[in-house]
Protein backbone atom coordinates (compact mmCIF):
# COMPACT_ATOMS: atom_id res chain seq x y z
CA UNK A 1 -128.70 336.98 154.08
CA UNK A 2 -128.98 338.24 157.63
CA UNK A 3 -127.12 335.99 160.01
CA UNK A 4 -125.05 337.48 162.81
CA UNK A 5 -123.56 334.27 164.21
CA UNK A 6 -119.79 333.93 164.21
CA UNK A 7 -119.75 331.29 161.46
CA UNK A 8 -122.75 331.47 159.16
CA UNK A 9 -124.11 329.95 155.97
CA UNK A 10 -123.29 331.82 152.76
CA UNK A 11 -124.65 330.96 149.35
CA UNK A 12 -125.38 334.34 147.84
CA UNK A 13 -123.33 336.86 145.92
CA UNK A 14 -119.57 336.68 146.10
CA UNK A 15 -118.28 338.85 148.99
CA UNK A 16 -121.83 340.12 149.42
CA UNK A 17 -120.71 343.01 151.70
CA UNK A 18 -118.88 344.73 148.83
CA UNK A 19 -120.60 343.23 145.78
CA UNK A 20 -122.03 345.95 143.48
CA UNK A 21 -121.23 348.71 145.98
CA UNK A 22 -119.11 351.00 143.77
CA UNK A 23 -121.07 353.19 141.34
CA UNK A 24 -119.94 353.51 137.74
CA UNK A 25 -120.61 356.79 135.88
CA UNK A 26 -122.84 356.85 132.82
CA UNK A 27 -120.35 358.38 130.43
CA UNK A 28 -118.50 357.65 127.22
CA UNK A 29 -115.36 359.34 128.47
CA UNK A 30 -112.68 356.64 128.35
CA UNK A 31 -110.54 357.96 131.21
CA UNK A 32 -113.46 358.55 133.60
CA UNK A 33 -114.64 354.99 132.99
CA UNK A 34 -111.14 353.60 133.40
CA UNK A 35 -110.73 355.44 136.71
CA UNK A 36 -114.05 354.04 137.94
CA UNK A 37 -112.92 350.48 137.21
CA UNK A 38 -109.33 350.94 138.42
CA UNK A 39 -108.56 349.15 141.67
CA UNK A 40 -109.24 345.40 141.51
CA UNK A 41 -106.25 344.99 139.21
CA UNK A 42 -103.98 346.40 141.92
CA UNK A 43 -105.09 343.73 144.40
CA UNK A 44 -104.41 341.08 141.74
CA UNK A 45 -101.00 342.52 140.79
CA UNK A 46 -99.83 342.15 144.40
CA UNK A 47 -99.56 338.39 143.90
CA UNK A 48 -97.15 338.87 141.03
CA UNK A 49 -94.64 340.94 143.00
CA UNK A 50 -94.75 339.34 146.43
CA UNK A 51 -91.57 338.64 148.47
CA UNK A 52 -91.59 335.02 147.34
CA UNK A 53 -90.50 336.11 143.85
CA UNK A 54 -87.82 338.60 144.85
CA UNK A 55 -84.90 336.22 145.37
CA UNK A 56 -85.61 334.38 142.08
CA UNK A 57 -85.44 337.60 140.07
CA UNK A 58 -82.32 338.91 141.81
CA UNK A 59 -80.58 335.52 141.50
CA UNK A 60 -81.46 335.45 137.80
CA UNK A 61 -79.83 338.84 137.32
CA UNK A 62 -76.75 337.88 139.32
CA UNK A 63 -76.28 334.68 137.34
CA UNK A 64 -77.23 335.59 133.77
CA UNK A 65 -77.22 339.39 133.59
CA UNK A 66 -80.35 340.57 131.69
CA UNK A 67 -81.07 337.31 129.84
CA UNK A 68 -84.16 336.32 131.84
CA UNK A 69 -86.03 339.59 131.30
CA UNK A 70 -87.79 337.93 128.35
CA UNK A 71 -88.88 335.13 130.71
CA UNK A 72 -90.51 337.69 133.01
CA UNK A 73 -92.26 339.17 129.96
CA UNK A 74 -93.61 335.76 128.87
CA UNK A 75 -94.85 335.07 132.40
CA UNK A 76 -96.56 338.45 132.55
CA UNK A 77 -98.33 337.90 129.23
CA UNK A 78 -99.60 334.52 130.46
CA UNK A 79 -100.85 336.19 133.62
CA UNK A 80 -102.65 338.95 131.67
CA UNK A 81 -104.49 336.39 129.54
CA UNK A 82 -105.60 334.19 132.43
CA UNK A 83 -106.59 337.12 134.67
CA UNK A 84 -108.68 338.51 131.81
CA UNK A 85 -110.55 335.20 131.62
CA UNK A 86 -111.00 335.15 135.39
CA UNK A 87 -112.51 338.64 135.50
CA UNK A 88 -114.71 337.90 132.50
CA UNK A 89 -116.09 334.77 134.19
CA UNK A 90 -116.96 336.77 137.32
CA UNK A 91 -118.66 339.61 135.46
CA UNK A 92 -120.62 337.51 132.97
CA UNK A 93 -121.81 334.76 135.35
CA UNK A 94 -121.95 336.93 138.51
CA UNK A 95 -120.18 334.07 140.27
CA UNK A 96 -116.61 333.88 141.44
CA UNK A 97 -114.41 330.99 140.31
CA UNK A 98 -114.97 329.01 143.52
CA UNK A 99 -118.76 329.33 143.21
CA UNK A 100 -118.62 328.40 139.54
CA UNK A 101 -116.52 325.28 140.18
CA UNK A 102 -118.73 324.29 143.12
CA UNK A 103 -121.82 324.58 140.92
CA UNK A 104 -120.36 321.97 138.55
CA UNK A 105 -118.77 319.53 141.00
CA UNK A 106 -120.03 317.31 143.81
CA UNK A 107 -119.87 318.25 147.50
CA UNK A 108 -117.01 315.86 148.27
CA UNK A 109 -114.84 317.16 145.43
CA UNK A 110 -115.67 320.77 146.29
CA UNK A 111 -114.48 320.19 149.85
CA UNK A 112 -111.20 318.64 148.63
CA UNK A 113 -110.60 321.53 146.23
CA UNK A 114 -111.25 324.01 149.04
CA UNK A 115 -108.53 322.34 151.12
CA UNK A 116 -106.09 322.49 148.19
CA UNK A 117 -106.67 326.20 147.59
CA UNK A 118 -106.54 326.97 151.32
CA UNK A 119 -103.10 325.33 151.48
CA UNK A 120 -101.94 327.58 148.64
CA UNK A 121 -103.25 330.67 150.44
CA UNK A 122 -101.53 329.63 153.66
CA UNK A 123 -98.29 329.06 151.75
CA UNK A 124 -98.31 332.64 150.53
CA UNK A 125 -99.17 333.75 154.07
CA UNK A 126 -96.05 332.00 155.40
CA UNK A 127 -93.96 333.96 152.88
CA UNK A 128 -95.68 337.14 154.01
CA UNK A 129 -95.02 336.41 157.71
CA UNK A 130 -91.36 335.79 156.97
CA UNK A 131 -91.05 338.92 154.83
CA UNK A 132 -92.84 341.19 157.33
CA UNK A 133 -90.99 339.78 160.37
CA UNK A 134 -87.62 340.21 158.65
CA UNK A 135 -88.53 343.76 157.58
CA UNK A 136 -89.43 344.66 161.18
CA UNK A 137 -86.20 343.07 162.38
CA UNK A 138 -84.11 344.96 159.84
CA UNK A 139 -85.83 348.33 160.34
CA UNK A 140 -86.31 348.33 164.12
CA UNK A 141 -83.95 345.56 165.34
CA UNK A 142 -86.90 343.68 166.86
CA UNK A 143 -85.98 340.04 167.64
CA UNK A 144 -87.40 337.67 165.04
CA UNK A 145 -89.66 335.77 167.44
CA UNK A 146 -91.28 338.99 168.67
CA UNK A 147 -91.44 340.41 165.14
CA UNK A 148 -93.21 337.25 163.97
CA UNK A 149 -95.90 337.68 166.65
CA UNK A 150 -96.22 341.38 165.81
CA UNK A 151 -97.28 340.40 162.29
CA UNK A 152 -100.47 339.03 163.86
CA UNK A 153 -101.46 342.61 164.71
CA UNK A 154 -102.08 343.43 161.05
CA UNK A 155 -105.53 342.00 161.71
CA UNK A 156 -106.34 345.43 163.21
CA UNK A 157 -105.29 347.08 159.94
CA UNK A 158 -107.74 344.85 158.11
CA UNK A 159 -110.47 345.57 160.67
CA UNK A 160 -109.94 349.30 160.19
CA UNK A 161 -109.98 349.09 156.42
CA UNK A 162 -113.19 347.04 156.45
CA UNK A 163 -114.88 350.09 158.01
CA UNK A 164 -113.70 352.66 155.46
CA UNK A 165 -114.91 351.02 152.24
CA UNK A 166 -113.45 348.89 149.49
CA UNK A 167 -112.52 351.85 147.30
CA UNK A 168 -110.11 353.06 149.98
CA UNK A 169 -108.61 349.58 150.27
CA UNK A 170 -107.93 349.68 146.54
CA UNK A 171 -106.29 353.10 146.93
CA UNK A 172 -104.07 351.89 149.78
CA UNK A 173 -102.92 348.85 147.83
CA UNK A 174 -102.14 351.06 144.81
CA UNK A 175 -100.09 353.42 146.98
CA UNK A 176 -98.07 350.55 148.47
CA UNK A 177 -97.38 349.20 144.97
CA UNK A 178 -96.12 352.63 143.91
CA UNK A 179 -93.82 352.67 146.97
CA UNK A 180 -92.32 349.33 145.91
CA UNK A 181 -91.93 350.49 142.30
CA UNK A 182 -90.26 353.78 143.25
CA UNK A 183 -87.84 352.13 145.70
CA UNK A 184 -86.48 349.73 143.12
CA UNK A 185 -86.58 352.27 140.28
CA UNK A 186 -84.45 354.63 142.41
CA UNK A 187 -81.89 351.94 143.16
CA UNK A 188 -81.67 350.83 139.53
CA UNK A 189 -81.28 354.41 138.24
CA UNK A 190 -78.37 354.91 140.62
CA UNK A 191 -76.74 351.80 139.14
CA UNK A 192 -76.78 353.33 135.62
CA UNK A 193 -77.30 349.98 133.83
CA UNK A 194 -76.79 349.40 130.10
CA UNK A 195 -80.28 350.27 128.88
CA UNK A 196 -79.70 349.08 125.30
CA UNK A 197 -78.78 345.60 126.60
CA UNK A 198 -81.88 345.62 128.79
CA UNK A 199 -84.11 346.51 125.82
CA UNK A 200 -82.61 343.77 123.62
CA UNK A 201 -83.15 341.22 126.42
CA UNK A 202 -86.91 341.70 126.13
CA UNK A 203 -86.79 339.50 123.01
CA UNK A 204 -86.56 335.73 123.76
CA UNK A 205 -83.47 333.83 122.63
CA UNK A 206 -82.53 330.12 122.48
CA UNK A 207 -80.19 330.72 125.43
CA UNK A 208 -83.23 330.79 127.73
CA UNK A 209 -83.49 327.00 127.59
CA UNK A 210 -79.74 326.24 127.62
CA UNK A 211 -78.45 323.94 130.36
CA UNK A 212 -75.07 325.67 130.43
CA UNK A 213 -73.40 327.62 131.89
CA UNK A 214 -74.29 326.68 135.47
CA UNK A 215 -73.83 329.68 137.77
CA UNK A 216 -74.51 329.48 141.53
CA UNK A 217 -76.28 326.18 140.91
CA UNK A 218 -78.53 327.66 138.21
CA UNK A 219 -78.58 327.15 134.47
CA UNK A 220 -80.55 329.48 132.16
CA UNK A 221 -83.15 326.69 131.82
CA UNK A 222 -83.64 326.24 135.57
CA UNK A 223 -83.75 330.03 136.00
CA UNK A 224 -86.46 330.23 133.33
CA UNK A 225 -88.43 327.35 134.86
CA UNK A 226 -88.21 328.93 138.29
CA UNK A 227 -89.45 332.36 137.21
CA UNK A 228 -92.34 331.08 135.08
CA UNK A 229 -93.37 328.46 137.62
CA UNK A 230 -93.37 330.91 140.51
CA UNK A 231 -95.00 333.88 138.78
CA UNK A 232 -98.61 332.83 138.30
CA UNK A 233 -100.37 332.63 141.67
CA UNK A 234 -103.42 330.30 141.49
CA UNK A 235 -105.42 332.04 144.23
CA UNK A 236 -105.37 335.27 142.20
CA UNK A 237 -107.96 333.88 139.81
CA UNK A 238 -110.43 333.32 142.65
CA UNK A 239 -109.73 336.82 143.96
CA UNK A 240 -110.13 338.57 140.61
CA UNK A 241 -113.33 336.75 139.67
CA UNK A 242 -114.89 338.12 142.87
CA UNK A 243 -113.63 341.68 143.30
CA UNK A 244 -114.38 342.53 139.66
CA UNK A 245 -118.04 342.35 140.76
CA UNK A 246 -117.69 345.29 143.14
CA UNK A 247 -118.79 347.69 140.39
CA UNK A 248 -122.50 348.37 140.18
CA UNK A 249 -123.71 347.67 136.65
CA UNK A 250 -126.90 346.56 134.91
CA UNK A 251 -126.21 342.89 134.17
CA UNK A 252 -129.30 342.73 131.96
CA UNK A 253 -127.74 345.25 129.56
CA UNK A 254 -125.15 343.57 127.26
CA UNK A 255 -123.46 346.94 126.63
CA UNK A 256 -122.91 347.49 130.35
CA UNK A 257 -121.49 343.99 130.73
CA UNK A 258 -119.25 344.55 127.71
CA UNK A 259 -117.99 347.81 129.20
CA UNK A 260 -117.32 346.14 132.54
CA UNK A 261 -115.28 343.39 130.86
CA UNK A 262 -113.42 345.93 128.74
CA UNK A 263 -112.42 348.34 131.49
CA UNK A 264 -111.72 345.61 134.05
CA UNK A 265 -109.32 344.12 131.51
CA UNK A 266 -107.65 347.52 131.02
CA UNK A 267 -107.27 347.86 134.78
CA UNK A 268 -105.84 344.36 135.17
CA UNK A 269 -103.38 344.71 132.30
CA UNK A 270 -102.11 348.11 133.40
CA UNK A 271 -101.52 346.88 136.95
CA UNK A 272 -99.79 343.72 135.71
CA UNK A 273 -97.54 345.89 133.55
CA UNK A 274 -96.46 347.62 136.78
CA UNK A 275 -95.83 344.19 138.33
CA UNK A 276 -93.76 343.30 135.27
CA UNK A 277 -91.61 346.39 135.74
CA UNK A 278 -91.13 345.64 139.45
CA UNK A 279 -89.88 342.15 138.66
CA UNK A 280 -87.65 343.47 135.87
CA UNK A 281 -86.22 346.08 138.25
CA UNK A 282 -85.45 343.32 140.75
CA UNK A 283 -83.62 341.35 138.05
CA UNK A 284 -81.73 344.47 136.96
CA UNK A 285 -80.77 345.01 140.61
CA UNK A 286 -79.17 341.58 140.60
CA UNK A 287 -77.32 342.29 137.36
CA UNK A 288 -76.39 345.97 137.71
CA UNK A 289 -76.62 347.10 141.33
CA UNK A 290 -74.36 344.36 142.68
CA UNK A 291 -71.05 343.18 141.28
CA UNK A 292 -71.44 339.99 139.25
CA UNK A 293 -71.59 336.99 141.58
CA UNK A 294 -71.26 339.17 144.68
CA UNK A 295 -74.51 338.11 146.35
CA UNK A 296 -73.94 334.68 147.91
CA UNK A 297 -76.79 334.99 150.43
CA UNK A 298 -80.01 335.62 148.47
CA UNK A 299 -82.15 335.71 151.61
CA UNK A 300 -83.74 339.03 152.60
CA UNK A 301 -81.03 339.42 155.23
CA UNK A 302 -78.33 338.88 152.63
CA UNK A 303 -79.82 341.38 150.20
CA UNK A 304 -80.23 343.96 152.96
CA UNK A 305 -76.59 343.57 154.00
CA UNK A 306 -75.41 343.64 150.38
CA UNK A 307 -77.10 347.00 149.81
CA UNK A 308 -75.03 348.53 152.60
CA UNK A 309 -71.77 346.73 151.73
CA UNK A 310 -69.81 349.04 149.43
CA UNK A 311 -67.51 346.18 148.40
CA UNK A 312 -70.45 344.41 146.73
CA UNK A 313 -71.88 347.36 144.78
CA UNK A 314 -71.14 348.10 141.17
CA UNK A 315 -70.41 351.81 140.74
CA UNK A 316 -69.26 354.92 142.66
CA UNK A 317 -72.70 356.55 142.82
CA UNK A 318 -74.24 353.48 144.46
CA UNK A 319 -71.31 353.22 146.84
CA UNK A 320 -71.65 356.85 147.97
CA UNK A 321 -75.42 356.45 148.56
CA UNK A 322 -74.99 353.07 150.27
CA UNK A 323 -72.74 354.67 152.89
CA UNK A 324 -75.78 356.58 154.17
CA UNK A 325 -77.67 353.30 154.70
CA UNK A 326 -80.62 354.52 152.62
CA UNK A 327 -80.46 351.70 150.03
CA UNK A 328 -80.87 348.93 152.60
CA UNK A 329 -83.55 350.85 154.53
CA UNK A 330 -85.57 351.39 151.34
CA UNK A 331 -85.31 347.68 150.56
CA UNK A 332 -86.74 346.81 153.99
CA UNK A 333 -89.53 349.38 153.55
CA UNK A 334 -90.47 347.81 150.20
CA UNK A 335 -90.45 344.38 151.84
CA UNK A 336 -92.80 345.58 154.58
CA UNK A 337 -95.11 347.25 152.02
CA UNK A 338 -95.28 344.03 150.02
CA UNK A 339 -96.21 342.06 153.13
CA UNK A 340 -99.03 344.42 154.06
CA UNK A 341 -100.43 344.21 150.56
CA UNK A 342 -100.64 340.44 150.87
CA UNK A 343 -102.41 340.77 154.22
CA UNK A 344 -105.48 342.23 152.58
CA UNK A 345 -105.57 340.19 149.37
CA UNK A 346 -104.88 336.87 151.14
CA UNK A 347 -107.71 337.38 153.61
CA UNK A 348 -110.21 338.33 150.91
CA UNK A 349 -109.22 335.31 148.82
CA UNK A 350 -109.59 333.00 151.81
CA UNK A 351 -113.12 334.26 152.42
CA UNK A 352 -113.98 333.88 148.72
CA UNK A 353 -112.95 330.21 148.54
CA UNK A 354 -114.56 329.38 151.90
CA UNK A 355 -117.88 330.88 150.84
CA UNK A 356 -117.66 329.54 147.29
CA UNK A 357 -116.65 325.93 147.97
CA UNK A 358 -118.25 325.09 151.34
CA UNK A 359 -120.74 327.97 151.76
CA UNK A 360 -119.45 329.13 155.14
CA UNK A 361 -118.34 332.60 156.16
CA UNK A 362 -116.84 334.32 159.16
CA UNK A 363 -115.87 337.95 159.87
CA UNK A 364 -112.80 339.01 157.87
CA UNK A 365 -110.84 339.89 161.01
CA UNK A 366 -111.52 336.44 162.48
CA UNK A 367 -110.57 334.77 159.23
CA UNK A 368 -107.33 336.75 159.20
CA UNK A 369 -106.51 336.00 162.81
CA UNK A 370 -107.08 332.26 162.32
CA UNK A 371 -104.97 331.91 159.15
CA UNK A 372 -102.24 334.18 160.48
CA UNK A 373 -101.91 332.12 163.67
CA UNK A 374 -101.57 328.97 161.55
CA UNK A 375 -98.94 330.63 159.37
CA UNK A 376 -96.96 331.92 162.34
CA UNK A 377 -96.50 328.41 163.79
CA UNK A 378 -93.96 327.07 161.23
CA UNK A 379 -92.04 330.36 161.29
CA UNK A 380 -91.79 330.34 165.12
CA UNK A 381 -90.70 326.67 165.07
CA UNK A 382 -88.01 327.49 162.48
CA UNK A 383 -86.72 330.50 164.48
CA UNK A 384 -86.69 328.62 167.79
CA UNK A 385 -85.03 325.49 166.37
CA UNK A 386 -82.20 327.55 164.84
CA UNK A 387 -81.76 329.89 167.82
CA UNK A 388 -78.42 328.32 168.75
CA UNK A 389 -77.12 328.18 165.18
CA UNK A 390 -74.98 330.79 163.48
CA UNK A 391 -76.66 333.86 162.01
CA UNK A 392 -76.06 332.64 158.46
CA UNK A 393 -77.64 329.25 159.31
CA UNK A 394 -80.71 330.99 160.76
CA UNK A 395 -81.06 333.08 157.62
CA UNK A 396 -80.67 330.01 155.41
CA UNK A 397 -83.33 328.11 157.39
CA UNK A 398 -85.88 330.92 157.03
CA UNK A 399 -85.09 331.23 153.34
CA UNK A 400 -85.63 327.49 152.84
CA UNK A 401 -88.92 327.62 154.75
CA UNK A 402 -90.11 330.43 152.48
CA UNK A 403 -89.10 328.56 149.32
CA UNK A 404 -90.45 325.19 150.47
CA UNK A 405 -93.80 326.63 151.53
CA UNK A 406 -94.37 327.60 147.91
CA UNK A 407 -94.65 323.92 146.95
CA UNK A 408 -98.35 324.13 147.84
CA UNK A 409 -98.82 326.59 144.98
CA UNK A 410 -97.89 323.79 142.58
CA UNK A 411 -100.77 321.72 143.99
CA UNK A 412 -103.29 324.49 143.38
CA UNK A 413 -102.31 325.67 139.89
CA UNK A 414 -104.17 322.96 137.90
CA UNK A 415 -107.36 323.39 139.95
CA UNK A 416 -107.48 327.08 139.19
CA UNK A 417 -106.61 327.46 135.53
CA UNK A 418 -108.09 324.29 133.99
CA UNK A 419 -111.64 324.86 135.36
CA UNK A 420 -111.29 328.53 134.40
CA UNK A 421 -110.55 327.60 130.78
CA UNK A 422 -113.24 324.92 130.62
CA UNK A 423 -115.92 327.38 131.72
CA UNK A 424 -114.81 330.42 129.70
CA UNK A 425 -114.65 328.18 126.61
CA UNK A 426 -118.29 327.12 127.16
CA UNK A 427 -120.82 329.13 125.13
CA UNK A 428 -123.72 327.95 127.35
CA UNK A 429 -122.07 329.70 130.28
CA UNK A 430 -120.45 332.70 128.60
CA UNK A 431 -122.72 333.35 125.62
CA UNK A 432 -121.22 336.05 123.39
CA UNK A 433 -118.33 336.39 125.84
CA UNK A 434 -117.04 332.88 125.18
CA UNK A 435 -113.27 332.84 124.57
CA UNK A 436 -112.24 333.57 121.01
CA UNK A 437 -110.33 330.72 119.38
CA UNK A 438 -106.97 332.48 119.54
CA UNK A 439 -107.32 333.27 123.26
CA UNK A 440 -108.52 329.76 124.00
CA UNK A 441 -105.53 328.17 122.22
CA UNK A 442 -103.07 330.53 123.92
CA UNK A 443 -104.79 329.93 127.26
CA UNK A 444 -104.45 326.15 127.00
CA UNK A 445 -100.83 326.42 125.89
CA UNK A 446 -100.10 328.68 128.86
CA UNK A 447 -101.92 326.34 131.23
CA UNK A 448 -100.07 323.24 130.01
CA UNK A 449 -96.73 325.05 130.37
CA UNK A 450 -97.55 326.31 133.87
CA UNK A 451 -98.85 322.95 135.11
CA UNK A 452 -95.88 321.10 133.64
CA UNK A 453 -93.35 323.48 135.19
CA UNK A 454 -94.96 323.36 138.61
CA UNK A 455 -95.12 319.56 138.64
CA UNK A 456 -91.70 319.20 137.01
CA UNK A 457 -90.10 321.04 139.91
CA UNK A 458 -91.77 318.92 142.61
CA UNK A 459 -89.12 316.14 142.84
CA UNK A 460 -86.31 318.68 143.27
CA UNK A 461 -88.40 320.53 145.86
CA UNK A 462 -89.07 317.35 147.86
CA UNK A 463 -85.35 316.53 147.82
CA UNK A 464 -84.56 320.02 149.12
CA UNK A 465 -86.69 319.36 152.23
CA UNK A 466 -83.92 317.01 153.46
CA UNK A 467 -86.50 315.03 155.43
CA UNK A 468 -86.13 311.78 153.47
CA UNK A 469 -83.37 309.97 151.57
CA UNK A 470 -83.12 311.29 148.01
CA UNK A 471 -84.68 308.23 146.37
CA UNK A 472 -87.59 308.17 148.84
CA UNK A 473 -88.20 311.90 148.29
CA UNK A 474 -88.36 311.35 144.53
CA UNK A 475 -90.81 308.45 144.94
CA UNK A 476 -93.02 310.53 147.25
CA UNK A 477 -92.95 313.43 144.76
CA UNK A 478 -94.14 311.18 141.95
CA UNK A 479 -96.91 309.77 144.15
CA UNK A 480 -98.06 313.35 144.85
CA UNK A 481 -97.91 314.17 141.12
CA UNK A 482 -100.03 311.09 140.37
CA UNK A 483 -102.59 312.15 142.99
CA UNK A 484 -102.75 315.66 141.50
CA UNK A 485 -103.30 314.22 138.01
CA UNK A 486 -106.05 311.90 139.29
CA UNK A 487 -107.75 314.72 141.19
CA UNK A 488 -107.53 316.90 138.08
CA UNK A 489 -109.14 314.14 136.00
CA UNK A 490 -111.92 313.83 138.61
CA UNK A 491 -112.47 317.60 138.49
CA UNK A 492 -112.68 317.68 134.69
CA UNK A 493 -115.06 314.69 134.66
CA UNK A 494 -117.36 316.27 137.24
CA UNK A 495 -117.39 319.59 135.42
CA UNK A 496 -118.32 317.93 132.15
CA UNK A 497 -121.11 315.87 133.76
CA UNK A 498 -122.65 318.43 136.13
CA UNK A 499 -123.64 321.47 134.11
CA UNK A 500 -125.87 323.21 136.65
CA UNK A 501 -125.64 326.67 135.12
C-alpha cells in the first residue's frame, strides 16, 4: 500500500512497516533461535508492571505482609496462558486480534469495539502521564502543570526510534525493564526480608479470600480481587498478536510456524516472569522496606517521601542508605522508565486497533501526539482544580484520577479475551494449532474470573468517583454492566455467524 496522505486506508498486514522485517537464522541451536525471537515479550511485559499496579502491590504488602504473593503468581500464570494464545493467533492466521475480530463482525460492531479498546488505551495513557509528570516533578522539581506538558515531548522519542528499527526499540524496552527490576531488587535486598516466609507465600492459602482482618480499608479478599483484576491489560493481546509477526518466516512451512509459536511463547513467558518478580518486589517493599502500616499515602508522592523518611523504614541498613536520598531517587527513576516504556507500547497498540477495526492509519508520531494531548487534558484539569488545596489533597486527587481512569480497562477485558478464546478454539482457523483441551478449559476459567472481577468492582469504582449519590452510582454501574454483557453477547453472536476466514 503506497499512500502518503496524513490519514490513509489500511487493510493489509498488521503494522506493515515492521511486519516480517526481522530475519530469523536457519539453525537448530536453541539459544540462537531464542535470541532471534526475544523482544516482543518485553513490550508485552510492560503492561504488567506499569505504574497503575504499583500502589496495589505495595498496599498489599503493607496490609497483609507476604500473603498476596500467591495472588500475583496466579495472575501471572493467567497472563502467560492468554498471551500465548494471542501470539499463536497472530502467527498462525497472520492477522492481529483486531483484524481477526473485524473479519468476523459487522462494520457497526467493529467501530463500537474500536471505541471501547481506544478508551482502554487512553486510560493507561492517563496513568502514564501522571507517573511521568510526577517523576519529573520529584527528580527535577518541575511544577506539575509544566511537567505534564513536557510529557508530550516523548513523541520525539518515538519519532527517533521509528527511524532506527524495531529491533532497537525492543532492546530499549528490555533495558528499561532491567532498570526497574534492579532498582526494586536493590531496595528489597537492603531490607533483608524473611526469604523463607516469602517462599512459603508463593503457595495459595484459604486466607486469600478471607474478609477479615480489614487493614487500611482492605481485606485479603479485596486485595486479591484488586491485584487479579488490575493485572491483565486487555490491549496487550492486540499488541502481542501484531508484533509477534515482525519475524520473517515461511508461513507455508508448518515447521517454521511451529518454531515461531514455540520461541515466541518462550520469549513471552520469560519476560512475564520478570514482570512477576517486579510485582513481587513491589509487594515485598510494602511488607519489608517500610514499617508495618507506616505508609498512609500510597500515591507516588507518598512512596517517594516514605523512602527518604527514616522513621518509616524497617532496618538500620535502609535507614543509613535513605539518608543519602538514593532510595527515593531510584524510585522516581524507575517510575520515569516505566512511563517511557508505555509511551512506545501504547502508541503501537493504538495504531494496531485503528488499522484492524476501522482500516485507517496515521503516522505513529501523529497518533502519539493526538492521544497524548487527549490524555493530558484530565490531568491538567485535576492539577489546576486542586492548585489551591493542600499538598496532600493534590496528591490524593491525582491518585484518584489514576485509579479511576483504570475503570475503562474493565470495559475492554471481555472484548479482548473472549474473542481470542473463540478463535483459538476454532480448528477451521487454527488447524493443528487449535488450543488443546486443557489450555482451552484453563483459558475459559481464567477469562470468567477476570471478567467477573472487573465487573464486580465497577459499583465500588463508580461510588468512588463521588459524582453521584451512592445509590445512583450503583444503579449507573449496573446499567453499564448490563450494556457490557449485551455488547459481549452481540460480539459472540456475530463471531459465530460471520466466519469469513
